[in-house]
C-alpha atoms as a PDB file:
ATOM      1  CA  UNK A   1      -0.190   0.181   0.019  1.00  0.00           C
ATOM      2  CA  UNK A   2       3.086   2.476  -0.620  1.00  0.00           C
ATOM      3  CA  UNK A   3       2.502   5.446  -1.862  1.00  0.00           C
ATOM      4  CA  UNK A   4      -1.211   4.976  -1.282  1.00  0.00           C
ATOM      5  CA  UNK A   5      -3.163   7.413   1.083  1.00  0.00           C
ATOM      6  CA  UNK A   6      -4.904   4.586   2.586  1.00  0.00           C
ATOM      7  CA  UNK A   7      -1.582   3.952   4.167  1.00  0.00           C
ATOM      8  CA  UNK A   8      -2.101   6.740   6.323  1.00  0.00           C
ATOM      9  CA  UNK A   9      -4.791   5.322   8.696  1.00  0.00           C
ATOM     10  CA  UNK A  10      -4.109   3.448  11.800  1.00  0.00           C
ATOM     11  CA  UNK A  11      -5.096  -0.255  12.636  1.00  0.00           C
ATOM     12  CA  UNK A  12      -8.421  -0.043  13.868  1.00  0.00           C
ATOM     13  CA  UNK A  13      -9.013  -2.526  17.011  1.00  0.00           C
ATOM     14  CA  UNK A  14     -11.906  -4.355  15.498  1.00  0.00           C
ATOM     15  CA  UNK A  15     -14.085  -4.972  12.353  1.00  0.00           C
ATOM     16  CA  UNK A  16     -13.466  -1.873   9.713  1.00  0.00           C
ATOM     17  CA  UNK A  17     -16.059  -0.989   7.401  1.00  0.00           C
ATOM     18  CA  UNK A  18     -15.584   0.241   3.761  1.00  0.00           C
ATOM     19  CA  UNK A  19     -17.440   2.111   1.633  1.00  0.00           C
ATOM     20  CA  UNK A  20     -16.981   2.222  -2.175  1.00  0.00           C
ATOM     21  CA  UNK A  21     -13.853   1.472  -2.415  1.00  0.00           C
ATOM     22  CA  UNK A  22     -13.141   0.651  -6.732  1.00  0.00           C
ATOM     23  CA  UNK A  23     -11.736  -2.574  -7.780  1.00  0.00           C
ATOM     24  CA  UNK A  24      -8.164  -0.191  -8.990  1.00  0.00           C
ATOM     25  CA  UNK A  25      -7.587   0.775  -5.185  1.00  0.00           C
ATOM     26  CA  UNK A  26      -4.820  -0.803  -3.316  1.00  0.00           C
ATOM     27  CA  UNK A  27      -6.438  -2.340  -0.054  1.00  0.00           C
ATOM     28  CA  UNK A  28      -3.593  -4.822   0.830  1.00  0.00           C
ATOM     29  CA  UNK A  29      -3.561  -3.016   4.678  1.00  0.00           C
ATOM     30  CA  UNK A  30      -6.541  -4.325   5.276  1.00  0.00           C
ATOM     31  CA  UNK A  31      -8.151  -7.886   6.996  1.00  0.00           C
ATOM     32  CA  UNK A  32      -9.738  -9.535   4.220  1.00  0.00           C
ATOM     33  CA  UNK A  33     -11.238 -11.319   7.476  1.00  0.00           C
ATOM     34  CA  UNK A  34     -11.616  -7.939   9.773  1.00  0.00           C
ATOM     35  CA  UNK A  35     -13.005  -6.046   7.147  1.00  0.00           C
ATOM     36  CA  UNK A  36     -16.482  -4.996   5.021  1.00  0.00           C
ATOM     37  CA  UNK A  37     -17.126  -3.571   1.857  1.00  0.00           C
ATOM     38  CA  UNK A  38     -20.350  -1.885   0.492  1.00  0.00           C
ATOM     39  CA  UNK A  39     -19.716  -1.835  -3.253  1.00  0.00           C
ATOM     40  CA  UNK A  40     -23.001  -1.961  -5.494  1.00  0.00           C
ATOM     41  CA  UNK A  41     -21.091  -1.424  -8.783  1.00  0.00           C
ATOM     42  CA  UNK A  42     -21.244  -5.149 -10.321  1.00  0.00           C
ATOM     43  CA  UNK A  43     -18.107  -5.098 -12.314  1.00  0.00           C
ATOM     44  CA  UNK A  44     -16.277  -3.429  -8.706  1.00  0.00           C
ATOM     45  CA  UNK A  45     -17.861  -5.355  -6.459  1.00  0.00           C
ATOM     46  CA  UNK A  46     -17.238  -8.905  -7.940  1.00  0.00           C
ATOM     47  CA  UNK A  47     -13.257  -7.634  -8.710  1.00  0.00           C
ATOM     48  CA  UNK A  48     -12.948  -6.938  -4.653  1.00  0.00           C
ATOM     49  CA  UNK A  49     -14.607 -10.334  -3.800  1.00  0.00           C
ATOM     50  CA  UNK A  50     -12.418 -12.140  -6.210  1.00  0.00           C
ATOM     51  CA  UNK A  51      -9.778 -10.791  -3.131  1.00  0.00           C
ATOM     52  CA  UNK A  52     -11.216 -12.548  -0.381  1.00  0.00           C
ATOM     53  CA  UNK A  53     -13.241  -9.169   0.856  1.00  0.00           C
ATOM     54  CA  UNK A  54     -16.727  -9.712   2.772  1.00  0.00           C
ATOM     55  CA  UNK A  55     -18.363  -7.637   0.166  1.00  0.00           C
ATOM     56  CA  UNK A  56     -22.097  -6.390   0.182  1.00  0.00           C
ATOM     57  CA  UNK A  57     -24.675  -3.963  -1.926  1.00  0.00           C
ATOM     58  CA  UNK A  58     -26.062  -2.598   0.125  1.00  0.00           C
ATOM     59  CA  UNK A  59     -25.517  -1.602   3.971  1.00  0.00           C
ATOM     60  CA  UNK A  60     -25.918  -3.876   7.099  1.00  0.00           C
ATOM     61  CA  UNK A  61     -26.570  -3.408  10.423  1.00  0.00           C
ATOM     62  CA  UNK A  62     -23.154  -4.598  11.592  1.00  0.00           C
ATOM     63  CA  UNK A  63     -20.879  -3.900  14.474  1.00  0.00           C
ATOM     64  CA  UNK A  64     -17.500  -2.440  13.921  1.00  0.00           C
ATOM     65  CA  UNK A  65     -14.804  -0.205  15.036  1.00  0.00           C
ATOM     66  CA  UNK A  66     -13.831   2.035  12.301  1.00  0.00           C
ATOM     67  CA  UNK A  67     -15.062   3.157   8.856  1.00  0.00           C
ATOM     68  CA  UNK A  68     -13.362   4.522   5.139  1.00  0.00           C
ATOM     69  CA  UNK A  69     -15.482   6.280   3.208  1.00  0.00           C
ATOM     70  CA  UNK A  70     -14.227   6.801  -0.092  1.00  0.00           C
ATOM     71  CA  UNK A  71     -16.096  10.322  -2.112  1.00  0.00           C
ATOM     72  CA  UNK A  72     -18.147   9.336  -5.096  1.00  0.00           C
ATOM     73  CA  UNK A  73     -18.309  12.133  -7.630  1.00  0.00           C
ATOM     74  CA  UNK A  74     -22.178  13.205  -6.897  1.00  0.00           C
ATOM     75  CA  UNK A  75     -22.352  15.374  -3.924  1.00  0.00           C
ATOM     76  CA  UNK A  76     -25.769  13.806  -2.751  1.00  0.00           C
ATOM     77  CA  UNK A  77     -24.220  10.389  -2.777  1.00  0.00           C
ATOM     78  CA  UNK A  78     -21.100  11.431  -0.612  1.00  0.00           C
ATOM     79  CA  UNK A  79     -23.190  12.877   1.856  1.00  0.00           C
ATOM     80  CA  UNK A  80     -25.243   9.776   1.918  1.00  0.00           C
ATOM     81  CA  UNK A  81     -22.153   7.143   2.166  1.00  0.00           C
ATOM     82  CA  UNK A  82     -21.063   9.488   5.148  1.00  0.00           C
ATOM     83  CA  UNK A  83     -24.220   9.291   7.081  1.00  0.00           C
ATOM     84  CA  UNK A  84     -24.569   5.672   6.282  1.00  0.00           C
ATOM     85  CA  UNK A  85     -21.236   5.153   7.639  1.00  0.00           C
ATOM     86  CA  UNK A  86     -21.454   6.959  10.568  1.00  0.00           C
ATOM     87  CA  UNK A  87     -24.813   5.495  11.786  1.00  0.00           C
ATOM     88  CA  UNK A  88     -22.998   2.367  12.422  1.00  0.00           C
ATOM     89  CA  UNK A  89     -20.331   3.944  14.081  1.00  0.00           C
ATOM     90  CA  UNK A  90     -19.844   4.188  18.270  1.00  0.00           C
ATOM     91  CA  UNK A  91     -18.876   7.812  19.836  1.00  0.00           C
ATOM     92  CA  UNK A  92     -15.766   8.463  19.397  1.00  0.00           C
ATOM     93  CA  UNK A  93     -15.088   5.615  16.592  1.00  0.00           C
ATOM     94  CA  UNK A  94     -13.117   7.323  13.665  1.00  0.00           C
ATOM     95  CA  UNK A  95     -14.910   7.767  10.187  1.00  0.00           C
ATOM     96  CA  UNK A  96     -11.908   7.896   7.272  1.00  0.00           C
ATOM     97  CA  UNK A  97     -12.732   9.882   4.341  1.00  0.00           C
ATOM     98  CA  UNK A  98     -10.572   9.782   0.962  1.00  0.00           C
ATOM     99  CA  UNK A  99     -11.256  11.482  -2.315  1.00  0.00           C
ATOM    100  CA  UNK A 100      -9.337  13.146  -5.501  1.00  0.00           C
ATOM    101  CA  UNK A 101      -9.981  17.118  -5.526  1.00  0.00           C
ATOM    102  CA  UNK A 102     -11.753  16.484  -8.871  1.00  0.00           C
ATOM    103  CA  UNK A 103     -14.171  14.631  -6.993  1.00  0.00           C
ATOM    104  CA  UNK A 104     -14.917  17.615  -4.328  1.00  0.00           C
ATOM    105  CA  UNK A 105     -13.147  16.382  -1.303  1.00  0.00           C
ATOM    106  CA  UNK A 106     -11.843  19.872  -0.052  1.00  0.00           C
ATOM    107  CA  UNK A 107     -15.526  20.765  -0.280  1.00  0.00           C
ATOM    108  CA  UNK A 108     -16.557  17.745   1.901  1.00  0.00           C
ATOM    109  CA  UNK A 109     -13.768  18.657   4.325  1.00  0.00           C
ATOM    110  CA  UNK A 110     -14.767  22.081   5.184  1.00  0.00           C
ATOM    111  CA  UNK A 111     -18.393  20.731   5.431  1.00  0.00           C
ATOM    112  CA  UNK A 112     -17.222  17.814   8.317  1.00  0.00           C
ATOM    113  CA  UNK A 113     -14.534  20.908   9.778  1.00  0.00           C
ATOM    114  CA  UNK A 114     -18.139  22.412  10.535  1.00  0.00           C
ATOM    115  CA  UNK A 115     -20.022  19.412  11.860  1.00  0.00           C
ATOM    116  CA  UNK A 116     -17.219  17.490  13.780  1.00  0.00           C
ATOM    117  CA  UNK A 117     -13.656  17.127  15.011  1.00  0.00           C
ATOM    118  CA  UNK A 118     -11.240  16.740  11.879  1.00  0.00           C
ATOM    119  CA  UNK A 119      -7.595  15.855  12.256  1.00  0.00           C
ATOM    120  CA  UNK A 120      -5.053  14.005  10.231  1.00  0.00           C
ATOM    121  CA  UNK A 121      -5.200  15.858   7.166  1.00  0.00           C
ATOM    122  CA  UNK A 122      -3.037  14.855   4.656  1.00  0.00           C
ATOM    123  CA  UNK A 123      -2.654  15.505   0.924  1.00  0.00           C
ATOM    124  CA  UNK A 124      -1.301  12.900  -1.741  1.00  0.00           C
ATOM    125  CA  UNK A 125      -1.959  11.480  -5.252  1.00  0.00           C
ATOM    126  CA  UNK A 126      -4.290  14.708  -6.369  1.00  0.00           C
ATOM    127  CA  UNK A 127      -6.194  14.342  -3.675  1.00  0.00           C
ATOM    128  CA  UNK A 128      -6.513  13.933   0.518  1.00  0.00           C
ATOM    129  CA  UNK A 129      -7.520  11.975   3.211  1.00  0.00           C
ATOM    130  CA  UNK A 130      -8.654  12.811   6.875  1.00  0.00           C
ATOM    131  CA  UNK A 131      -9.809  11.558  10.399  1.00  0.00           C
ATOM    132  CA  UNK A 132     -13.251  12.568  11.298  1.00  0.00           C
ATOM    133  CA  UNK A 133     -14.036  11.491  14.961  1.00  0.00           C
ATOM    134  CA  UNK A 134     -17.810  10.765  16.162  1.00  0.00           C
ATOM    135  CA  UNK A 135     -19.628  13.163  18.229  1.00  0.00           C
ATOM    136  CA  UNK A 136     -22.267  11.921  19.899  1.00  0.00           C
ATOM    137  CA  UNK A 137     -25.797  12.175  18.744  1.00  0.00           C
ATOM    138  CA  UNK A 138     -27.638  13.137  15.334  1.00  0.00           C
ATOM    139  CA  UNK A 139     -24.401  15.623  14.297  1.00  0.00           C
ATOM    140  CA  UNK A 140     -25.117  15.182  10.683  1.00  0.00           C
ATOM    141  CA  UNK A 141     -27.604  16.840   8.570  1.00  0.00           C
ATOM    142  CA  UNK A 142     -30.955  15.601   8.073  1.00  0.00           C
ATOM    143  CA  UNK A 143     -30.326  16.270   4.237  1.00  0.00           C
ATOM    144  CA  UNK A 144     -27.778  13.748   4.398  1.00  0.00           C
ATOM    145  CA  UNK A 145     -29.687  10.973   4.688  1.00  0.00           C
ATOM    146  CA  UNK A 146     -29.795   9.703   1.125  1.00  0.00           C
ATOM    147  CA  UNK A 147     -33.924  10.000   0.710  1.00  0.00           C
ATOM    148  CA  UNK A 148     -34.716   8.983  -2.935  1.00  0.00           C
ATOM    149  CA  UNK A 149     -36.102  11.583  -5.766  1.00  0.00           C
ATOM    150  CA  UNK A 150     -39.317  11.560  -7.643  1.00  0.00           C
ATOM    151  CA  UNK A 151     -39.287  12.577 -10.885  1.00  0.00           C
ATOM    152  CA  UNK A 152     -40.908  13.249 -13.801  1.00  0.00           C
ATOM    153  CA  UNK A 153     -43.967  11.044 -13.801  1.00  0.00           C
ATOM    154  CA  UNK A 154     -43.458   9.525 -10.191  1.00  0.00           C
ATOM    155  CA  UNK A 155     -39.964   7.458 -10.938  1.00  0.00           C
ATOM    156  CA  UNK A 156     -37.614   6.949  -8.329  1.00  0.00           C
ATOM    157  CA  UNK A 157     -34.590   7.621  -8.324  1.00  0.00           C
ATOM    158  CA  UNK A 158     -31.739   7.314  -5.550  1.00  0.00           C
ATOM    159  CA  UNK A 159     -28.706  10.262  -4.931  1.00  0.00           C
ATOM    160  CA  UNK A 160     -25.653   8.789  -7.129  1.00  0.00           C
ATOM    161  CA  UNK A 161     -27.652   7.099 -10.396  1.00  0.00           C
ATOM    162  CA  UNK A 162     -27.207   7.872 -13.805  1.00  0.00           C
ATOM    163  CA  UNK A 163     -29.323  11.227 -14.286  1.00  0.00           C
ATOM    164  CA  UNK A 164     -31.026  11.377 -11.109  1.00  0.00           C
ATOM    165  CA  UNK A 165     -32.880  14.772 -12.097  1.00  0.00           C
ATOM    166  CA  UNK A 166     -35.294  12.864 -14.835  1.00  0.00           C
ATOM    167  CA  UNK A 167     -34.715  11.381 -17.842  1.00  0.00           C
ATOM    168  CA  UNK A 168     -31.489  11.580 -19.799  1.00  0.00           C
ATOM    169  CA  UNK A 169     -32.283  13.829 -22.959  1.00  0.00           C
ATOM    170  CA  UNK A 170     -30.317  11.277 -24.889  1.00  0.00           C
ATOM    171  CA  UNK A 171     -32.464   8.547 -23.701  1.00  0.00           C
ATOM    172  CA  UNK A 172     -35.890  10.603 -24.577  1.00  0.00           C
ATOM    173  CA  UNK A 173     -34.164  11.244 -28.115  1.00  0.00           C
ATOM    174  CA  UNK A 174     -34.105   7.138 -28.122  1.00  0.00           C
ATOM    175  CA  UNK A 175     -37.396   6.051 -27.355  1.00  0.00           C
ATOM    176  CA  UNK A 176     -39.118   8.724 -29.829  1.00  0.00           C
ATOM    177  CA  UNK A 177     -37.152   6.758 -32.463  1.00  0.00           C
ATOM    178  CA  UNK A 178     -38.367   3.699 -31.550  1.00  0.00           C
ATOM    179  CA  UNK A 179     -40.887   1.509 -33.778  1.00  0.00           C
ATOM    180  CA  UNK A 180     -44.342   1.729 -33.131  1.00  0.00           C
ATOM    181  CA  UNK A 181     -44.044  -2.420 -32.709  1.00  0.00           C
ATOM    182  CA  UNK A 182     -41.059  -4.011 -30.739  1.00  0.00           C
ATOM    183  CA  UNK A 183     -39.641  -7.210 -31.049  1.00  0.00           C
ATOM    184  CA  UNK A 184     -40.721  -9.668 -28.694  1.00  0.00           C
ATOM    185  CA  UNK A 185     -38.009 -10.934 -26.530  1.00  0.00           C
ATOM    186  CA  UNK A 186     -35.825  -7.454 -26.055  1.00  0.00           C
ATOM    187  CA  UNK A 187     -32.340  -6.386 -23.601  1.00  0.00           C
ATOM    188  CA  UNK A 188     -32.048  -2.871 -22.046  1.00  0.00           C
ATOM    189  CA  UNK A 189     -28.829  -2.733 -21.613  1.00  0.00           C
ATOM    190  CA  UNK A 190     -27.379  -0.414 -19.090  1.00  0.00           C
ATOM    191  CA  UNK A 191     -31.285  -0.122 -18.337  1.00  0.00           C
ATOM    192  CA  UNK A 192     -30.627   2.814 -15.056  1.00  0.00           C
ATOM    193  CA  UNK A 193     -33.339   3.593 -13.025  1.00  0.00           C
ATOM    194  CA  UNK A 194     -35.861   2.228 -15.893  1.00  0.00           C
ATOM    195  CA  UNK A 195     -37.033   4.965 -17.887  1.00  0.00           C
ATOM    196  CA  UNK A 196     -36.197   3.734 -20.985  1.00  0.00           C
ATOM    197  CA  UNK A 197     -37.698   0.322 -19.898  1.00  0.00           C
ATOM    198  CA  UNK A 198     -40.804   1.605 -19.838  1.00  0.00           C
ATOM    199  CA  UNK A 199     -41.469   2.960 -22.933  1.00  0.00           C
ATOM    200  CA  UNK A 200     -40.302  -0.430 -24.291  1.00  0.00           C
ATOM    201  CA  UNK A 201     -43.141  -1.779 -22.454  1.00  0.00           C
ATOM    202  CA  UNK A 202     -45.745   0.990 -23.395  1.00  0.00           C
ATOM    203  CA  UNK A 203     -44.972  -0.387 -27.019  1.00  0.00           C
ATOM    204  CA  UNK A 204     -46.886  -3.521 -28.659  1.00  0.00           C
ATOM    205  CA  UNK A 205     -45.189  -6.333 -29.440  1.00  0.00           C
ATOM    206  CA  UNK A 206     -42.818  -7.423 -26.188  1.00  0.00           C
ATOM    207  CA  UNK A 207     -43.237 -10.565 -24.196  1.00  0.00           C
ATOM    208  CA  UNK A 208     -40.492 -10.206 -22.043  1.00  0.00           C
ATOM    209  CA  UNK A 209     -38.180  -7.347 -21.334  1.00  0.00           C
ATOM    210  CA  UNK A 210     -34.539  -7.817 -19.337  1.00  0.00           C
ATOM    211  CA  UNK A 211     -33.044  -5.016 -17.976  1.00  0.00           C
ATOM    212  CA  UNK A 212     -29.902  -5.203 -16.856  1.00  0.00           C
ATOM    213  CA  UNK A 213     -27.901  -3.155 -14.918  1.00  0.00           C
ATOM    214  CA  UNK A 214     -24.581  -2.654 -13.072  1.00  0.00           C
ATOM    215  CA  UNK A 215     -25.508  -0.410 -10.762  1.00  0.00           C
ATOM    216  CA  UNK A 216     -27.560  -2.047  -7.287  1.00  0.00           C
ATOM    217  CA  UNK A 217     -28.864   1.525  -6.315  1.00  0.00           C
ATOM    218  CA  UNK A 218     -30.058   2.093 -10.270  1.00  0.00           C
ATOM    219  CA  UNK A 219     -31.504  -1.338 -10.276  1.00  0.00           C
ATOM    220  CA  UNK A 220     -33.494  -0.950  -6.735  1.00  0.00           C
ATOM    221  CA  UNK A 221     -35.233   2.062  -8.648  1.00  0.00           C
ATOM    222  CA  UNK A 222     -35.726   0.590 -11.895  1.00  0.00           C
ATOM    223  CA  UNK A 223     -37.842  -2.565  -9.833  1.00  0.00           C
ATOM    224  CA  UNK A 224     -40.464  -0.357  -8.457  1.00  0.00           C
ATOM    225  CA  UNK A 225     -40.372   2.315 -11.266  1.00  0.00           C
ATOM    226  CA  UNK A 226     -41.728  -0.689 -13.656  1.00  0.00           C
ATOM    227  CA  UNK A 227     -44.161  -3.475 -12.081  1.00  0.00           C
ATOM    228  CA  UNK A 228     -44.795  -4.697 -15.785  1.00  0.00           C
ATOM    229  CA  UNK A 229     -44.726  -8.207 -15.331  1.00  0.00           C
ATOM    230  CA  UNK A 230     -43.130  -8.882 -18.631  1.00  0.00           C
ATOM    231  CA  UNK A 231     -39.528  -7.162 -16.719  1.00  0.00           C
ATOM    232  CA  UNK A 232     -36.733  -9.268 -15.419  1.00  0.00           C
ATOM    233  CA  UNK A 233     -34.414  -7.850 -13.401  1.00  0.00           C
ATOM    234  CA  UNK A 234     -30.581  -8.524 -13.989  1.00  0.00           C
ATOM    235  CA  UNK A 235     -28.288  -6.985 -11.313  1.00  0.00           C
ATOM    236  CA  UNK A 236     -25.197  -7.928 -13.946  1.00  0.00           C
ATOM    237  CA  UNK A 237     -21.625  -5.913 -15.799  1.00  0.00           C
ATOM    238  CA  UNK A 238     -23.444  -5.506 -19.140  1.00  0.00           C
ATOM    239  CA  UNK A 239     -20.085  -6.219 -20.985  1.00  0.00           C
ATOM    240  CA  UNK A 240     -20.227 -10.018 -19.731  1.00  0.00           C
ATOM    241  CA  UNK A 241     -23.936 -10.326 -19.598  1.00  0.00           C
ATOM    242  CA  UNK A 242     -25.517 -13.334 -21.135  1.00  0.00           C
ATOM    243  CA  UNK A 243     -28.777 -15.118 -22.173  1.00  0.00           C
ATOM    244  CA  UNK A 244     -29.660 -18.727 -22.312  1.00  0.00           C
ATOM    245  CA  UNK A 245     -31.165 -17.952 -25.657  1.00  0.00           C
ATOM    246  CA  UNK A 246     -30.458 -14.833 -27.914  1.00  0.00           C
ATOM    247  CA  UNK A 247     -32.636 -11.689 -28.343  1.00  0.00           C
ATOM    248  CA  UNK A 248     -33.863 -10.129 -31.432  1.00  0.00           C
ATOM    249  CA  UNK A 249     -34.500  -6.679 -29.927  1.00  0.00           C
ATOM    250  CA  UNK A 250     -31.749  -4.913 -27.697  1.00  0.00           C
ATOM    251  CA  UNK A 251     -31.940  -0.592 -26.260  1.00  0.00           C
ATOM    252  CA  UNK A 252     -29.329   1.275 -25.063  1.00  0.00           C
ATOM    253  CA  UNK A 253     -27.997   4.576 -23.972  1.00  0.00           C
ATOM    254  CA  UNK A 254     -24.367   3.458 -23.474  1.00  0.00           C
ATOM    255  CA  UNK A 255     -22.058   5.312 -21.003  1.00  0.00           C
ATOM    256  CA  UNK A 256     -18.839   6.912 -22.074  1.00  0.00           C
ATOM    257  CA  UNK A 257     -16.823   7.711 -19.434  1.00  0.00           C
ATOM    258  CA  UNK A 258     -16.397   5.506 -15.988  1.00  0.00           C
ATOM    259  CA  UNK A 259     -13.908   8.780 -14.731  1.00  0.00           C
ATOM    260  CA  UNK A 260     -13.998  12.625 -15.906  1.00  0.00           C
ATOM    261  CA  UNK A 261     -12.649  11.286 -18.849  1.00  0.00           C
ATOM    262  CA  UNK A 262     -14.827  10.437 -21.973  1.00  0.00           C
ATOM    263  CA  UNK A 263     -13.682   7.211 -22.761  1.00  0.00           C
ATOM    264  CA  UNK A 264     -14.960   5.812 -26.503  1.00  0.00           C
ATOM    265  CA  UNK A 265     -13.641   2.258 -25.611  1.00  0.00           C
ATOM    266  CA  UNK A 266     -16.118   1.886 -23.023  1.00  0.00           C
ATOM    267  CA  UNK A 267     -19.271   2.273 -25.923  1.00  0.00           C
ATOM    268  CA  UNK A 268     -17.567  -0.186 -27.967  1.00  0.00           C
ATOM    269  CA  UNK A 269     -17.572  -2.784 -25.771  1.00  0.00           C
ATOM    270  CA  UNK A 270     -21.379  -1.969 -25.641  1.00  0.00           C
ATOM    271  CA  UNK A 271     -21.694  -2.956 -29.162  1.00  0.00           C
ATOM    272  CA  UNK A 272     -20.015  -5.790 -28.825  1.00  0.00           C
ATOM    273  CA  UNK A 273     -22.113  -6.736 -25.511  1.00  0.00           C
ATOM    274  CA  UNK A 274     -25.230  -6.287 -27.582  1.00  0.00           C
ATOM    275  CA  UNK A 275     -23.617  -8.073 -30.945  1.00  0.00           C
ATOM    276  CA  UNK A 276     -23.342 -10.985 -28.929  1.00  0.00           C
ATOM    277  CA  UNK A 277     -27.037 -10.845 -27.277  1.00  0.00           C
ATOM    278  CA  UNK A 278     -28.579 -10.406 -30.555  1.00  0.00           C
ATOM    279  CA  UNK A 279     -30.282 -13.409 -33.207  1.00  0.00           C
ATOM    280  CA  UNK A 280     -28.758 -12.734 -37.017  1.00  0.00           C
ATOM    281  CA  UNK A 281     -32.590 -10.885 -37.727  1.00  0.00           C
ATOM    282  CA  UNK A 282     -32.447  -9.598 -34.296  1.00  0.00           C
ATOM    283  CA  UNK A 283     -32.044  -5.426 -34.117  1.00  0.00           C
ATOM    284  CA  UNK A 284     -30.367  -3.036 -32.090  1.00  0.00           C
ATOM    285  CA  UNK A 285     -31.332   0.703 -31.417  1.00  0.00           C
ATOM    286  CA  UNK A 286     -28.847   2.972 -29.551  1.00  0.00           C
ATOM    287  CA  UNK A 287     -27.973   6.450 -28.804  1.00  0.00           C
ATOM    288  CA  UNK A 288     -25.182   8.325 -28.375  1.00  0.00           C
ATOM    289  CA  UNK A 289     -23.263  11.740 -28.267  1.00  0.00           C
ATOM    290  CA  UNK A 290     -22.771  13.018 -31.953  1.00  0.00           C
ATOM    291  CA  UNK A 291     -18.953  13.422 -31.926  1.00  0.00           C
ATOM    292  CA  UNK A 292     -18.649   9.743 -30.675  1.00  0.00           C
ATOM    293  CA  UNK A 293     -16.868   7.377 -32.979  1.00  0.00           C
ATOM    294  CA  UNK A 294     -19.682   4.736 -33.465  1.00  0.00           C
ATOM    295  CA  UNK A 295     -19.880   3.523 -36.574  1.00  0.00           C
ATOM    296  CA  UNK A 296     -16.594   1.963 -37.548  1.00  0.00           C
ATOM    297  CA  UNK A 297     -17.378  -0.311 -34.228  1.00  0.00           C
ATOM    298  CA  UNK A 298     -20.964  -1.135 -35.489  1.00  0.00           C
ATOM    299  CA  UNK A 299     -19.988  -2.278 -38.796  1.00  0.00           C
ATOM    300  CA  UNK A 300     -17.191  -4.635 -37.127  1.00  0.00           C
ATOM    301  CA  UNK A 301     -20.257  -6.642 -35.799  1.00  0.00           C
ATOM    302  CA  UNK A 302     -23.026  -5.557 -37.890  1.00  0.00           C
ATOM    303  CA  UNK A 303     -24.054  -6.378 -41.486  1.00  0.00           C
ATOM    304  CA  UNK A 304     -26.577  -2.885 -41.427  1.00  0.00           C
ATOM    305  CA  UNK A 305     -26.119   0.004 -40.393  1.00  0.00           C
ATOM    306  CA  UNK A 306     -27.631   3.706 -40.268  1.00  0.00           C
ATOM    307  CA  UNK A 307     -28.776   6.623 -38.403  1.00  0.00           C
ATOM    308  CA  UNK A 308     -32.196   7.301 -38.100  1.00  0.00           C
ATOM    309  CA  UNK A 309     -32.619  10.676 -36.133  1.00  0.00           C
ATOM    310  CA  UNK A 310     -30.635  12.809 -34.272  1.00  0.00           C
ATOM    311  CA  UNK A 311     -29.656  16.244 -33.549  1.00  0.00           C
ATOM    312  CA  UNK A 312     -26.455  18.137 -32.872  1.00  0.00           C
ATOM    313  CA  UNK A 313     -25.470  16.513 -29.527  1.00  0.00           C
ATOM    314  CA  UNK A 314     -26.973  13.059 -30.306  1.00  0.00           C
ATOM    315  CA  UNK A 315     -27.552  10.689 -32.854  1.00  0.00           C
ATOM    316  CA  UNK A 316     -30.300   7.420 -32.862  1.00  0.00           C
ATOM    317  CA  UNK A 317     -28.459   4.586 -34.694  1.00  0.00           C
ATOM    318  CA  UNK A 318     -29.799   1.123 -35.686  1.00  0.00           C
ATOM    319  CA  UNK A 319     -28.147  -2.219 -36.807  1.00  0.00           C
ATOM    320  CA  UNK A 320     -28.713  -5.310 -37.653  1.00  0.00           C
ATOM    321  CA  UNK A 321     -26.992  -8.608 -38.594  1.00  0.00           C
ATOM    322  CA  UNK A 322     -25.156  -9.400 -35.176  1.00  0.00           C
ATOM    323  CA  UNK A 323     -22.307 -12.337 -36.611  1.00  0.00           C
ATOM    324  CA  UNK A 324     -22.604 -11.972 -40.062  1.00  0.00           C
ATOM    325  CA  UNK A 325     -20.246  -8.708 -40.109  1.00  0.00           C
ATOM    326  CA  UNK A 326     -17.250 -11.261 -40.337  1.00  0.00           C
ATOM    327  CA  UNK A 327     -18.629 -13.514 -43.188  1.00  0.00           C
ATOM    328  CA  UNK A 328     -19.483 -10.940 -44.644  1.00  0.00           C
ATOM    329  CA  UNK A 329     -15.354 -10.729 -45.399  1.00  0.00           C
END
């Protein structure tokens, strides 16, 4: 753990709770037997579990002596993580908070100094770590509880999920360009909190719709938002998800970054995954930012590719002939 901010953490006298570590974080200073990890993003969850840690998708009541909160990008989610960890700690216990400057660690540090004793502030690797000594009583603002939000149409969202304030404009554009009648078996790849799935199910033809989402909180919202019995929910990495039988339709608004930096390769991997789910006659509908170069990737995996809508910001693409592109060469 040399060189990591985590090496600055004092050993705890008992079980430690880690909230939100990513797969690439160096956790070698923590004893897997004495550590409980909360991580709801499926690829990170599985990678950390493979290293021998007990990993949970959500918070559970358990006795802990110290906690480490890894700050996410979304401020509301950061507050919710801090509050959830603090509620499980006794008075006087150490609550460590670690984050990058780009994720707002300086702002959180200022907030915490106004609420509780803070010390051991250390800067390293474009970020900071600091220790909070948990006070007695209810010391955190009530707005830090991580309460759900109800957005347009009565959809429930949670802090930190993608487009938590309402339907993403790209998804709205994709829904507007879907056909009047959908295929019988459809996968919503990267389904989020279920808005697009609800639009798909509103069209005739669908017999089964699989919502695939790696974010456990988002999928929990989707279960509440989409109550149609044709919907099936999968907490899974969209890039590796498979079904026993192929489907004849995929819809998706793939992410194009996992950090603040754009990564077109992520969307390309979604395209590859979609092709692996479809029959040869099945069809993909997807939306993407106008500047992202997805057409060449689509042509690698599908024989027929077309743009069917868009504007200066987004483009709606459709493709069919999965698995035949290689035979065409």
